N, C-alpha and C. Protein backbone atom coordinates (compact mmCIF):
# COMPACT_ATOMS: atom_id res chain seq x y z
N MET A 1 133.13 249.32 147.58
CA MET A 1 134.37 248.82 147.02
C MET A 1 134.18 248.57 145.52
N PHE A 2 135.02 249.20 144.73
CA PHE A 2 134.97 249.00 143.28
C PHE A 2 136.13 248.12 142.86
N GLN A 3 135.90 247.31 141.84
CA GLN A 3 136.98 246.56 141.24
C GLN A 3 136.78 246.49 139.74
N TYR A 4 137.87 246.61 139.03
CA TYR A 4 137.86 246.35 137.60
C TYR A 4 138.75 245.16 137.33
N LEU A 5 138.26 244.21 136.53
CA LEU A 5 139.02 243.01 136.24
C LEU A 5 139.25 242.89 134.75
N TRP A 6 140.48 242.61 134.39
CA TRP A 6 140.81 242.40 133.00
C TRP A 6 141.29 240.97 132.79
N PRO A 7 140.55 240.14 132.06
CA PRO A 7 141.10 238.84 131.68
C PRO A 7 142.21 239.04 130.65
N LEU A 8 143.30 238.36 130.82
CA LEU A 8 144.46 238.59 129.98
C LEU A 8 144.77 237.39 129.11
N PRO A 9 145.32 237.60 127.91
CA PRO A 9 145.61 236.50 127.00
C PRO A 9 146.83 235.70 127.46
N LYS A 10 146.96 234.53 126.90
CA LYS A 10 148.04 233.62 127.28
C LYS A 10 149.39 234.14 126.80
N LYS A 11 150.43 233.87 127.60
CA LYS A 11 151.83 234.19 127.26
C LYS A 11 152.10 235.69 127.19
N LEU A 12 151.25 236.50 127.81
CA LEU A 12 151.53 237.92 127.91
C LEU A 12 151.64 238.29 129.38
N GLN A 13 152.20 239.44 129.64
CA GLN A 13 152.45 239.82 131.02
C GLN A 13 151.79 241.15 131.37
N VAL A 14 151.45 241.26 132.64
CA VAL A 14 151.11 242.54 133.22
C VAL A 14 152.29 242.93 134.08
N GLN A 15 152.85 244.09 133.84
CA GLN A 15 154.00 244.54 134.60
C GLN A 15 153.63 245.76 135.43
N ARG A 16 154.13 245.76 136.64
CA ARG A 16 153.90 246.90 137.53
C ARG A 16 155.26 247.50 137.80
N LEU A 17 155.51 248.68 137.27
CA LEU A 17 156.84 249.27 137.33
C LEU A 17 156.86 250.44 138.31
N ILE A 18 157.87 250.44 139.19
CA ILE A 18 158.05 251.54 140.14
C ILE A 18 159.51 251.97 140.03
N GLY A 19 159.73 253.21 139.61
CA GLY A 19 161.10 253.70 139.46
C GLY A 19 161.93 252.86 138.52
N GLY A 20 161.30 252.31 137.48
CA GLY A 20 162.03 251.51 136.50
C GLY A 20 162.22 250.07 136.93
N GLU A 21 161.89 249.74 138.17
CA GLU A 21 162.04 248.37 138.66
C GLU A 21 160.73 247.60 138.50
N GLN A 22 160.82 246.41 137.96
CA GLN A 22 159.62 245.58 137.84
C GLN A 22 159.32 244.95 139.19
N ILE A 23 158.12 245.23 139.69
CA ILE A 23 157.71 244.72 141.00
C ILE A 23 156.93 243.42 140.86
N SER A 24 156.00 243.37 139.92
CA SER A 24 155.17 242.18 139.75
C SER A 24 154.88 241.95 138.28
N ALA A 25 154.68 240.72 137.91
CA ALA A 25 154.28 240.37 136.56
C ALA A 25 153.56 239.04 136.59
N ILE A 26 152.56 238.89 135.73
CA ILE A 26 151.84 237.62 135.63
C ILE A 26 151.68 237.25 134.16
N GLY A 27 151.38 235.99 133.92
CA GLY A 27 151.03 235.53 132.59
C GLY A 27 149.53 235.65 132.42
N ARG A 28 148.88 234.54 132.06
CA ARG A 28 147.43 234.62 131.86
C ARG A 28 146.72 234.64 133.20
N GLY A 29 145.68 235.46 133.27
CA GLY A 29 144.92 235.59 134.51
C GLY A 29 144.10 236.85 134.49
N ILE A 30 143.96 237.49 135.64
CA ILE A 30 143.21 238.74 135.71
C ILE A 30 143.98 239.78 136.49
N CYS A 31 143.82 241.01 136.07
CA CYS A 31 144.38 242.15 136.79
C CYS A 31 143.23 242.83 137.52
N VAL A 32 143.38 242.97 138.83
CA VAL A 32 142.33 243.55 139.67
C VAL A 32 142.76 244.93 140.12
N LEU A 33 142.00 245.95 139.74
CA LEU A 33 142.21 247.30 140.26
C LEU A 33 141.18 247.50 141.37
N LEU A 34 141.66 247.72 142.57
CA LEU A 34 140.80 247.74 143.75
C LEU A 34 140.70 249.14 144.34
N GLY A 35 139.46 249.63 144.44
CA GLY A 35 139.22 250.91 145.10
C GLY A 35 138.46 250.71 146.39
N ILE A 36 139.01 251.16 147.50
CA ILE A 36 138.42 250.91 148.82
C ILE A 36 137.73 252.18 149.31
N SER A 37 136.48 252.03 149.72
CA SER A 37 135.71 253.19 150.17
C SER A 37 135.69 253.28 151.69
N LEU A 38 135.24 254.41 152.19
CA LEU A 38 135.14 254.65 153.63
C LEU A 38 134.23 253.65 154.33
N GLU A 39 133.21 253.17 153.62
CA GLU A 39 132.19 252.33 154.24
C GLU A 39 132.50 250.84 154.16
N ASP A 40 133.59 250.47 153.52
CA ASP A 40 133.89 249.05 153.34
C ASP A 40 134.24 248.36 154.66
N THR A 41 133.75 247.14 154.81
CA THR A 41 133.98 246.33 156.00
C THR A 41 134.46 244.94 155.58
N GLN A 42 134.64 244.08 156.56
CA GLN A 42 135.04 242.70 156.30
C GLN A 42 134.03 241.99 155.40
N LYS A 43 132.77 242.35 155.54
CA LYS A 43 131.71 241.73 154.73
C LYS A 43 131.93 242.03 153.25
N GLU A 44 132.22 243.29 152.92
CA GLU A 44 132.47 243.65 151.53
C GLU A 44 133.75 242.98 151.01
N LEU A 45 134.74 242.91 151.87
CA LEU A 45 136.00 242.28 151.49
C LEU A 45 135.78 240.82 151.09
N GLU A 46 135.07 240.08 151.92
CA GLU A 46 134.83 238.66 151.64
C GLU A 46 133.98 238.48 150.39
N HIS A 47 133.01 239.39 150.18
CA HIS A 47 132.17 239.33 148.98
C HIS A 47 133.03 239.46 147.72
N MET A 48 133.97 240.42 147.73
CA MET A 48 134.80 240.65 146.55
C MET A 48 135.77 239.51 146.29
N VAL A 49 136.32 238.94 147.33
CA VAL A 49 137.22 237.79 147.16
C VAL A 49 136.49 236.64 146.47
N ARG A 50 135.27 236.37 146.93
CA ARG A 50 134.48 235.29 146.30
C ARG A 50 134.20 235.60 144.84
N LYS A 51 133.84 236.86 144.54
CA LYS A 51 133.52 237.24 143.16
C LYS A 51 134.73 237.10 142.24
N ILE A 52 135.88 237.57 142.70
CA ILE A 52 137.09 237.51 141.88
C ILE A 52 137.43 236.08 141.50
N LEU A 53 137.37 235.20 142.46
CA LEU A 53 137.80 233.83 142.23
C LEU A 53 136.78 232.99 141.48
N ASN A 54 135.52 233.39 141.53
CA ASN A 54 134.46 232.56 140.93
C ASN A 54 133.82 233.17 139.68
N LEU A 55 134.17 234.38 139.34
CA LEU A 55 133.61 235.02 138.15
C LEU A 55 134.05 234.27 136.90
N ARG A 56 133.08 233.88 136.07
CA ARG A 56 133.39 233.06 134.89
C ARG A 56 133.67 233.95 133.68
N VAL A 57 134.94 234.21 133.44
CA VAL A 57 135.33 235.09 132.35
C VAL A 57 136.23 234.41 131.31
N PHE A 58 136.52 233.14 131.52
CA PHE A 58 137.40 232.42 130.61
C PHE A 58 136.63 231.31 129.88
N GLU A 59 137.22 230.85 128.78
CA GLU A 59 136.60 229.79 127.99
C GLU A 59 136.93 228.43 128.60
N ASP A 60 136.10 227.44 128.29
CA ASP A 60 136.38 226.08 128.77
C ASP A 60 137.22 225.33 127.73
N GLU A 61 137.40 224.03 127.96
CA GLU A 61 138.27 223.23 127.08
C GLU A 61 137.74 223.12 125.66
N SER A 62 136.43 223.27 125.49
CA SER A 62 135.83 223.20 124.15
C SER A 62 135.79 224.55 123.46
N GLY A 63 136.27 225.59 124.13
CA GLY A 63 136.28 226.93 123.55
C GLY A 63 135.05 227.75 123.86
N LYS A 64 134.16 227.25 124.70
CA LYS A 64 132.96 227.99 125.07
C LYS A 64 133.31 229.13 126.00
N HIS A 65 132.92 230.34 125.61
CA HIS A 65 133.27 231.53 126.39
C HIS A 65 132.42 231.64 127.66
N TRP A 66 132.94 232.42 128.62
CA TRP A 66 132.23 232.74 129.87
C TRP A 66 131.83 231.47 130.63
N SER A 67 132.78 230.54 130.71
CA SER A 67 132.47 229.24 131.31
C SER A 67 133.33 228.91 132.54
N LYS A 68 134.54 229.48 132.60
CA LYS A 68 135.47 229.09 133.66
C LYS A 68 135.99 230.32 134.42
N SER A 69 136.26 230.10 135.70
CA SER A 69 136.81 231.16 136.54
C SER A 69 138.33 231.08 136.57
N VAL A 70 138.96 232.09 137.13
CA VAL A 70 140.41 232.07 137.26
C VAL A 70 140.85 230.90 138.14
N MET A 71 140.02 230.55 139.11
CA MET A 71 140.33 229.43 139.99
C MET A 71 140.16 228.10 139.26
N ASP A 72 139.14 228.01 138.40
CA ASP A 72 138.96 226.79 137.60
C ASP A 72 140.19 226.52 136.72
N LYS A 73 140.72 227.61 136.15
CA LYS A 73 141.82 227.48 135.20
C LYS A 73 143.19 227.52 135.86
N GLN A 74 143.22 227.82 137.17
CA GLN A 74 144.48 227.92 137.91
C GLN A 74 145.39 228.99 137.29
N TYR A 75 144.77 230.12 136.93
CA TYR A 75 145.51 231.25 136.39
C TYR A 75 145.95 232.18 137.53
N GLU A 76 146.68 233.23 137.16
CA GLU A 76 147.23 234.15 138.15
C GLU A 76 146.33 235.38 138.36
N VAL A 77 146.55 236.06 139.47
CA VAL A 77 145.82 237.28 139.81
C VAL A 77 146.83 238.35 140.21
N LEU A 78 146.75 239.51 139.59
CA LEU A 78 147.58 240.65 139.97
C LEU A 78 146.68 241.74 140.55
N CYS A 79 146.93 242.14 141.79
CA CYS A 79 146.09 243.14 142.47
C CYS A 79 146.82 244.48 142.54
N VAL A 80 146.12 245.53 142.21
CA VAL A 80 146.66 246.88 142.25
C VAL A 80 145.69 247.77 143.02
N SER A 81 146.18 248.40 144.07
CA SER A 81 145.34 249.32 144.83
C SER A 81 145.09 250.58 144.00
N GLN A 82 143.83 251.02 143.92
CA GLN A 82 143.47 252.11 143.01
C GLN A 82 142.42 252.99 143.68
N PHE A 83 142.87 253.93 144.52
CA PHE A 83 141.91 254.77 145.24
C PHE A 83 141.12 255.68 144.31
N THR A 84 141.64 255.96 143.12
CA THR A 84 140.94 256.87 142.20
C THR A 84 139.63 256.30 141.67
N LEU A 85 139.40 255.00 141.90
CA LEU A 85 138.10 254.43 141.53
C LEU A 85 136.98 254.99 142.38
N GLN A 86 137.33 255.59 143.51
CA GLN A 86 136.34 256.20 144.39
C GLN A 86 136.11 257.68 144.05
N CYS A 87 136.54 258.08 142.87
CA CYS A 87 136.43 259.48 142.45
C CYS A 87 134.98 259.92 142.24
N VAL A 88 134.67 261.12 142.70
CA VAL A 88 133.44 261.81 142.32
C VAL A 88 133.86 263.17 141.75
N LEU A 89 133.07 263.70 140.84
CA LEU A 89 133.43 264.96 140.20
C LEU A 89 132.69 266.13 140.82
N LYS A 90 133.44 267.18 141.13
CA LYS A 90 132.85 268.45 141.54
C LYS A 90 133.11 269.41 140.39
N GLY A 91 132.13 269.49 139.50
CA GLY A 91 132.36 270.19 138.25
C GLY A 91 133.28 269.34 137.41
N ASN A 92 134.46 269.89 137.09
CA ASN A 92 135.45 269.12 136.33
C ASN A 92 136.62 268.67 137.18
N LYS A 93 136.52 268.87 138.50
CA LYS A 93 137.63 268.52 139.38
C LYS A 93 137.36 267.21 140.11
N PRO A 94 138.28 266.25 140.04
CA PRO A 94 138.10 264.98 140.77
C PRO A 94 138.17 265.20 142.28
N ASP A 95 137.33 264.49 142.99
CA ASP A 95 137.32 264.56 144.45
C ASP A 95 137.34 263.13 144.98
N PHE A 96 138.18 262.87 145.99
CA PHE A 96 138.39 261.50 146.47
C PHE A 96 138.02 261.34 147.94
N HIS A 97 137.08 262.15 148.42
CA HIS A 97 136.75 262.10 149.85
C HIS A 97 136.03 260.80 150.22
N LEU A 98 135.52 260.05 149.24
CA LEU A 98 134.85 258.78 149.53
C LEU A 98 135.84 257.62 149.69
N ALA A 99 137.09 257.85 149.31
CA ALA A 99 138.10 256.80 149.43
C ALA A 99 138.55 256.68 150.89
N MET A 100 138.84 255.47 151.31
CA MET A 100 139.33 255.23 152.67
C MET A 100 140.71 255.88 152.83
N PRO A 101 140.98 256.57 153.95
CA PRO A 101 142.30 257.18 154.18
C PRO A 101 143.43 256.15 154.08
N ALA A 102 144.61 256.62 153.68
CA ALA A 102 145.70 255.73 153.30
C ALA A 102 146.08 254.72 154.39
N GLU A 103 146.26 255.17 155.63
CA GLU A 103 146.70 254.25 156.69
C GLU A 103 145.68 253.14 156.92
N GLN A 104 144.42 253.53 156.98
CA GLN A 104 143.34 252.56 157.18
C GLN A 104 143.20 251.65 155.95
N ALA A 105 143.33 252.26 154.76
CA ALA A 105 143.17 251.50 153.52
C ALA A 105 144.29 250.48 153.34
N GLU A 106 145.50 250.81 153.77
CA GLU A 106 146.62 249.88 153.62
C GLU A 106 146.39 248.61 154.43
N SER A 107 145.90 248.78 155.64
CA SER A 107 145.60 247.63 156.48
C SER A 107 144.48 246.80 155.86
N PHE A 108 143.47 247.49 155.32
CA PHE A 108 142.35 246.81 154.68
C PHE A 108 142.82 246.05 153.45
N TYR A 109 143.69 246.68 152.67
CA TYR A 109 144.20 246.07 151.44
C TYR A 109 145.03 244.83 151.74
N LYS A 110 145.85 244.90 152.78
CA LYS A 110 146.64 243.73 153.18
C LYS A 110 145.72 242.59 153.62
N GLY A 111 144.64 242.94 154.32
CA GLY A 111 143.66 241.92 154.71
C GLY A 111 142.98 241.30 153.51
N PHE A 112 142.73 242.13 152.49
CA PHE A 112 142.14 241.64 151.25
C PHE A 112 143.06 240.64 150.56
N LEU A 113 144.34 240.97 150.46
CA LEU A 113 145.31 240.07 149.83
C LEU A 113 145.45 238.78 150.63
N GLU A 114 145.47 238.90 151.94
CA GLU A 114 145.59 237.72 152.79
C GLU A 114 144.40 236.77 152.60
N GLN A 115 143.20 237.36 152.52
CA GLN A 115 142.00 236.56 152.32
C GLN A 115 141.99 235.92 150.93
N LEU A 116 142.45 236.66 149.93
CA LEU A 116 142.50 236.14 148.56
C LEU A 116 143.47 234.97 148.46
N ARG A 117 144.63 235.11 149.09
CA ARG A 117 145.62 234.04 149.06
C ARG A 117 145.16 232.82 149.85
N LYS A 118 144.47 233.08 150.94
CA LYS A 118 143.97 231.99 151.76
C LYS A 118 142.91 231.17 151.01
N ALA A 119 142.08 231.87 150.22
CA ALA A 119 141.00 231.20 149.49
C ALA A 119 141.49 230.55 148.19
N TYR A 120 142.68 230.96 147.74
CA TYR A 120 143.20 230.44 146.47
C TYR A 120 144.57 229.83 146.72
N ARG A 121 145.49 230.00 145.77
CA ARG A 121 146.86 229.54 145.91
C ARG A 121 147.77 230.76 146.08
N PRO A 122 148.44 230.90 147.22
CA PRO A 122 149.22 232.11 147.50
C PRO A 122 150.22 232.48 146.42
N GLU A 123 150.84 231.48 145.81
CA GLU A 123 151.87 231.75 144.80
C GLU A 123 151.29 232.31 143.50
N LEU A 124 149.97 232.22 143.33
CA LEU A 124 149.33 232.73 142.11
C LEU A 124 148.74 234.13 142.29
N VAL A 125 148.87 234.69 143.48
CA VAL A 125 148.35 236.04 143.76
C VAL A 125 149.53 236.99 143.90
N LYS A 126 149.63 237.97 142.99
CA LYS A 126 150.76 238.89 142.97
C LYS A 126 150.32 240.29 143.41
N ASP A 127 151.31 241.06 143.88
CA ASP A 127 151.04 242.40 144.39
C ASP A 127 152.28 243.26 144.19
N GLY A 128 152.18 244.52 144.57
CA GLY A 128 153.31 245.43 144.51
C GLY A 128 153.41 246.22 145.80
N LYS A 129 153.75 247.50 145.71
CA LYS A 129 153.90 248.36 146.87
C LYS A 129 152.68 249.27 147.00
N PHE A 130 152.02 249.18 148.14
CA PHE A 130 150.83 249.98 148.37
C PHE A 130 151.19 251.47 148.40
N GLY A 131 150.38 252.27 147.70
CA GLY A 131 150.51 253.72 147.76
C GLY A 131 151.65 254.32 146.94
N ALA A 132 152.43 253.48 146.26
CA ALA A 132 153.55 254.01 145.48
C ALA A 132 153.06 254.50 144.12
N TYR A 133 153.80 255.48 143.56
CA TYR A 133 153.51 255.93 142.20
C TYR A 133 153.96 254.84 141.25
N MET A 134 153.06 254.42 140.36
CA MET A 134 153.33 253.25 139.53
C MET A 134 153.03 253.50 138.06
N GLN A 135 153.68 252.73 137.24
CA GLN A 135 153.32 252.61 135.84
C GLN A 135 152.82 251.19 135.64
N VAL A 136 151.55 251.05 135.42
CA VAL A 136 150.95 249.73 135.29
C VAL A 136 150.69 249.45 133.82
N HIS A 137 151.36 248.46 133.29
CA HIS A 137 151.22 248.10 131.88
C HIS A 137 150.29 246.89 131.78
N ILE A 138 149.15 247.11 131.15
CA ILE A 138 148.15 246.05 131.03
C ILE A 138 147.89 245.80 129.55
N GLN A 139 148.06 244.58 129.12
CA GLN A 139 147.68 244.21 127.77
C GLN A 139 146.40 243.40 127.86
N ASN A 140 145.32 244.00 127.40
CA ASN A 140 143.98 243.43 127.61
C ASN A 140 143.63 242.43 126.53
N ASP A 141 142.75 241.53 126.86
CA ASP A 141 142.31 240.50 125.93
C ASP A 141 140.88 240.80 125.51
N GLY A 142 140.70 241.24 124.27
CA GLY A 142 139.33 241.45 123.81
C GLY A 142 139.06 242.81 123.21
N PRO A 143 139.02 243.90 123.95
CA PRO A 143 139.25 243.98 125.39
C PRO A 143 138.04 243.52 126.21
N VAL A 144 138.31 242.97 127.37
CA VAL A 144 137.25 242.61 128.32
C VAL A 144 137.52 243.34 129.62
N THR A 145 136.61 244.18 130.02
CA THR A 145 136.73 244.92 131.26
C THR A 145 135.43 244.77 132.03
N ILE A 146 135.50 244.29 133.25
CA ILE A 146 134.30 244.02 134.04
C ILE A 146 134.36 244.82 135.34
N GLU A 147 133.29 245.55 135.61
CA GLU A 147 133.22 246.34 136.84
C GLU A 147 132.40 245.59 137.89
N LEU A 148 132.96 245.46 139.07
CA LEU A 148 132.26 244.86 140.20
C LEU A 148 132.14 245.89 141.31
N GLU A 149 131.01 245.87 141.98
CA GLU A 149 130.83 246.74 143.14
C GLU A 149 130.15 245.94 144.24
N SER A 150 130.71 245.98 145.42
CA SER A 150 130.13 245.22 146.53
C SER A 150 128.79 245.82 146.91
N PRO A 151 127.85 245.00 147.40
CA PRO A 151 126.54 245.51 147.81
C PRO A 151 126.68 246.54 148.92
N ALA A 152 126.02 247.66 148.75
CA ALA A 152 126.05 248.70 149.79
C ALA A 152 125.21 248.26 150.98
N PRO A 153 125.56 248.73 152.20
CA PRO A 153 124.74 248.40 153.37
C PRO A 153 123.29 248.82 153.15
N GLY A 154 122.37 247.90 153.42
CA GLY A 154 120.95 248.22 153.22
C GLY A 154 120.51 248.17 151.79
N ALA A 155 121.35 247.57 150.91
CA ALA A 155 121.01 247.53 149.49
C ALA A 155 119.74 246.76 149.24
N ALA A 156 119.51 245.70 150.01
CA ALA A 156 118.31 244.88 149.81
C ALA A 156 117.05 245.68 150.05
N ALA A 157 117.14 246.59 151.02
CA ALA A 157 115.95 247.38 151.35
C ALA A 157 115.67 248.44 150.30
N SER A 158 116.71 248.83 149.53
CA SER A 158 116.52 249.87 148.52
C SER A 158 116.36 249.32 147.11
N ASP A 159 116.55 248.03 146.94
CA ASP A 159 116.42 247.40 145.63
C ASP A 159 114.93 247.23 145.30
N PRO A 160 114.45 247.82 144.19
CA PRO A 160 113.02 247.73 143.85
C PRO A 160 112.53 246.29 143.75
N LYS A 161 113.32 245.39 143.15
CA LYS A 161 112.90 244.00 143.03
C LYS A 161 112.78 243.34 144.39
N GLN A 162 113.77 243.61 145.27
CA GLN A 162 113.71 243.04 146.59
C GLN A 162 112.55 243.60 147.39
N LEU A 163 112.28 244.90 147.22
CA LEU A 163 111.15 245.53 147.90
C LEU A 163 109.85 244.89 147.47
N SER A 164 109.70 244.66 146.15
CA SER A 164 108.49 244.04 145.62
C SER A 164 108.30 242.65 146.21
N LYS A 165 109.40 241.90 146.31
CA LYS A 165 109.33 240.55 146.88
C LYS A 165 108.91 240.59 148.33
N LEU A 166 109.48 241.52 149.09
CA LEU A 166 109.13 241.65 150.51
C LEU A 166 107.68 242.07 150.69
N GLU A 167 107.21 242.96 149.81
CA GLU A 167 105.82 243.42 149.88
C GLU A 167 104.86 242.26 149.63
N LYS A 168 105.18 241.41 148.65
CA LYS A 168 104.33 240.27 148.34
C LYS A 168 104.29 239.28 149.51
N GLN A 169 105.45 239.08 150.12
CA GLN A 169 105.49 238.18 151.28
C GLN A 169 104.62 238.73 152.42
N GLN A 170 104.70 240.05 152.63
CA GLN A 170 103.90 240.67 153.68
C GLN A 170 102.41 240.57 153.38
N GLN A 171 102.04 240.74 152.10
CA GLN A 171 100.63 240.64 151.70
C GLN A 171 100.10 239.23 151.94
N ARG A 172 100.92 238.21 151.64
CA ARG A 172 100.49 236.83 151.88
C ARG A 172 100.27 236.58 153.37
N LYS A 173 101.15 237.11 154.19
CA LYS A 173 101.00 236.95 155.63
C LYS A 173 99.72 237.61 156.14
N GLU A 174 99.43 238.81 155.61
CA GLU A 174 98.23 239.53 156.03
C GLU A 174 96.97 238.78 155.61
N LYS A 175 96.97 238.19 154.41
CA LYS A 175 95.82 237.42 153.93
C LYS A 175 95.61 236.19 154.81
N THR A 176 96.71 235.55 155.19
CA THR A 176 96.62 234.36 156.04
C THR A 176 96.02 234.71 157.39
N ARG A 177 96.46 235.83 157.96
CA ARG A 177 95.91 236.25 159.26
C ARG A 177 94.44 236.61 159.15
N ALA A 178 94.05 237.24 158.01
CA ALA A 178 92.65 237.66 157.83
C ALA A 178 91.72 236.47 157.71
N LYS A 179 92.18 235.38 157.10
CA LYS A 179 91.35 234.19 156.93
C LYS A 179 91.15 233.44 158.24
N GLY A 180 92.04 233.63 159.18
CA GLY A 180 91.94 232.92 160.44
C GLY A 180 92.56 231.56 160.33
N PRO A 181 92.32 230.68 161.28
CA PRO A 181 92.93 229.35 161.27
C PRO A 181 92.53 228.56 160.03
N SER A 182 93.46 227.82 159.49
CA SER A 182 93.18 227.00 158.31
C SER A 182 92.32 225.81 158.68
N GLU A 183 91.75 225.15 157.66
CA GLU A 183 90.90 223.99 157.89
C GLU A 183 91.67 222.87 158.58
N SER A 184 92.92 222.69 158.16
CA SER A 184 93.71 221.61 158.75
C SER A 184 93.98 221.87 160.22
N SER A 185 94.23 223.14 160.55
CA SER A 185 94.49 223.46 161.96
C SER A 185 93.23 223.33 162.78
N LYS A 186 92.04 223.62 162.17
CA LYS A 186 90.77 223.44 162.88
C LYS A 186 90.55 221.97 163.20
N GLU A 187 90.89 221.12 162.21
CA GLU A 187 90.71 219.69 162.42
C GLU A 187 91.60 219.17 163.55
N ARG A 188 92.83 219.70 163.58
CA ARG A 188 93.75 219.25 164.62
C ARG A 188 93.30 219.70 166.00
N SER A 189 92.67 220.88 166.07
CA SER A 189 92.27 221.41 167.37
C SER A 189 90.91 220.88 167.83
N ALA A 190 90.11 220.29 166.92
CA ALA A 190 88.79 219.77 167.29
C ALA A 190 88.92 218.53 168.15
N PRO A 191 88.07 218.37 169.18
CA PRO A 191 88.13 217.18 170.05
C PRO A 191 87.78 215.93 169.26
N ARG A 192 88.48 214.83 169.54
CA ARG A 192 88.24 213.59 168.83
C ARG A 192 87.10 212.81 169.50
N LYS A 193 86.36 212.11 168.68
CA LYS A 193 85.28 211.28 169.21
C LYS A 193 85.85 209.98 169.78
N GLU A 194 85.25 209.53 170.84
CA GLU A 194 85.72 208.31 171.46
C GLU A 194 85.29 207.10 170.63
N ASP A 195 86.18 206.15 170.51
CA ASP A 195 85.90 204.92 169.79
C ASP A 195 85.51 203.85 170.82
N ARG A 196 84.18 203.62 170.90
CA ARG A 196 83.67 202.70 171.92
C ARG A 196 84.17 201.28 171.71
N SER A 197 84.43 200.93 170.45
CA SER A 197 84.84 199.56 170.17
C SER A 197 86.23 199.25 170.72
N ALA A 198 86.97 200.30 171.05
CA ALA A 198 88.32 200.08 171.55
C ALA A 198 88.36 200.16 173.07
N SER A 199 87.20 200.18 173.72
CA SER A 199 87.18 200.32 175.17
C SER A 199 87.57 199.00 175.83
N SER A 200 87.96 199.11 177.10
CA SER A 200 88.35 197.92 177.85
C SER A 200 87.15 197.20 178.44
N GLY A 201 85.96 197.70 178.23
CA GLY A 201 84.76 197.05 178.73
C GLY A 201 83.94 197.98 179.59
N ALA A 202 84.59 198.78 180.40
CA ALA A 202 83.86 199.73 181.23
C ALA A 202 83.44 200.89 180.37
N GLU A 203 82.19 201.30 180.49
CA GLU A 203 81.66 202.38 179.66
C GLU A 203 82.44 203.66 179.91
N GLY A 204 82.88 204.25 178.83
CA GLY A 204 83.61 205.52 178.94
C GLY A 204 85.08 205.33 179.22
N ASP A 205 85.53 204.11 179.48
CA ASP A 205 86.95 203.88 179.74
C ASP A 205 87.65 203.49 178.43
N VAL A 206 88.22 204.47 177.77
CA VAL A 206 88.83 204.24 176.46
C VAL A 206 90.33 204.04 176.64
N SER A 207 90.80 202.87 176.24
CA SER A 207 92.21 202.57 176.41
C SER A 207 93.07 203.04 175.26
N SER A 208 92.46 203.26 174.08
CA SER A 208 93.20 203.78 172.92
C SER A 208 92.28 204.55 172.03
N GLU A 209 92.87 205.41 171.19
CA GLU A 209 92.08 206.20 170.25
C GLU A 209 92.62 205.97 168.84
N ARG A 210 91.70 205.95 167.90
CA ARG A 210 92.08 205.81 166.51
C ARG A 210 91.47 206.95 165.72
N GLU A 211 92.16 207.32 164.66
CA GLU A 211 91.64 208.38 163.80
C GLU A 211 90.35 207.89 163.16
N PRO A 212 89.28 208.72 163.12
CA PRO A 212 88.02 208.33 162.49
C PRO A 212 88.22 208.05 161.02
């Protein structure tokens, strides 16, 4: 799943026009262009919702950049379905076979919007008509354009840093096994000596034990 997010300046609008009719518009916030792939699942959907709402792309009250999220600032979100983000090139010709088919993608997209509204404020999340030919007017701030991509299945296993970490953990385990039981575990497993001074009087009858 690909997403592009544009933080937008104050008092400007993003308009989504279909056949000359304005479908959606927002003031300050982010415009999300969402591309859904064949392999996307609920896990990727939830990951992207969290990222959109928590990504720190706005300034704080003191003017410090990259400090606040859209949720921190209570700004708006405009979502636009964009299957062309799943484009691959065959020579100079775009190919979209990696994009989720329209019927399946529409259901997925509606679930994405539902989850986004549930996690945020429904009235601040705007949308238009799925699959319609649109003219999307975006006035960017900066410009700032951020690309997000959900982790692919098995990404941890293919990430060199993660692989290195796993290898080190495995090496530590192997060293531990090679050394055998630790000194502390040997002490715990060793039989304790009887404390004769704590006996009840009869030789060998120990009523309590104390650590040496």
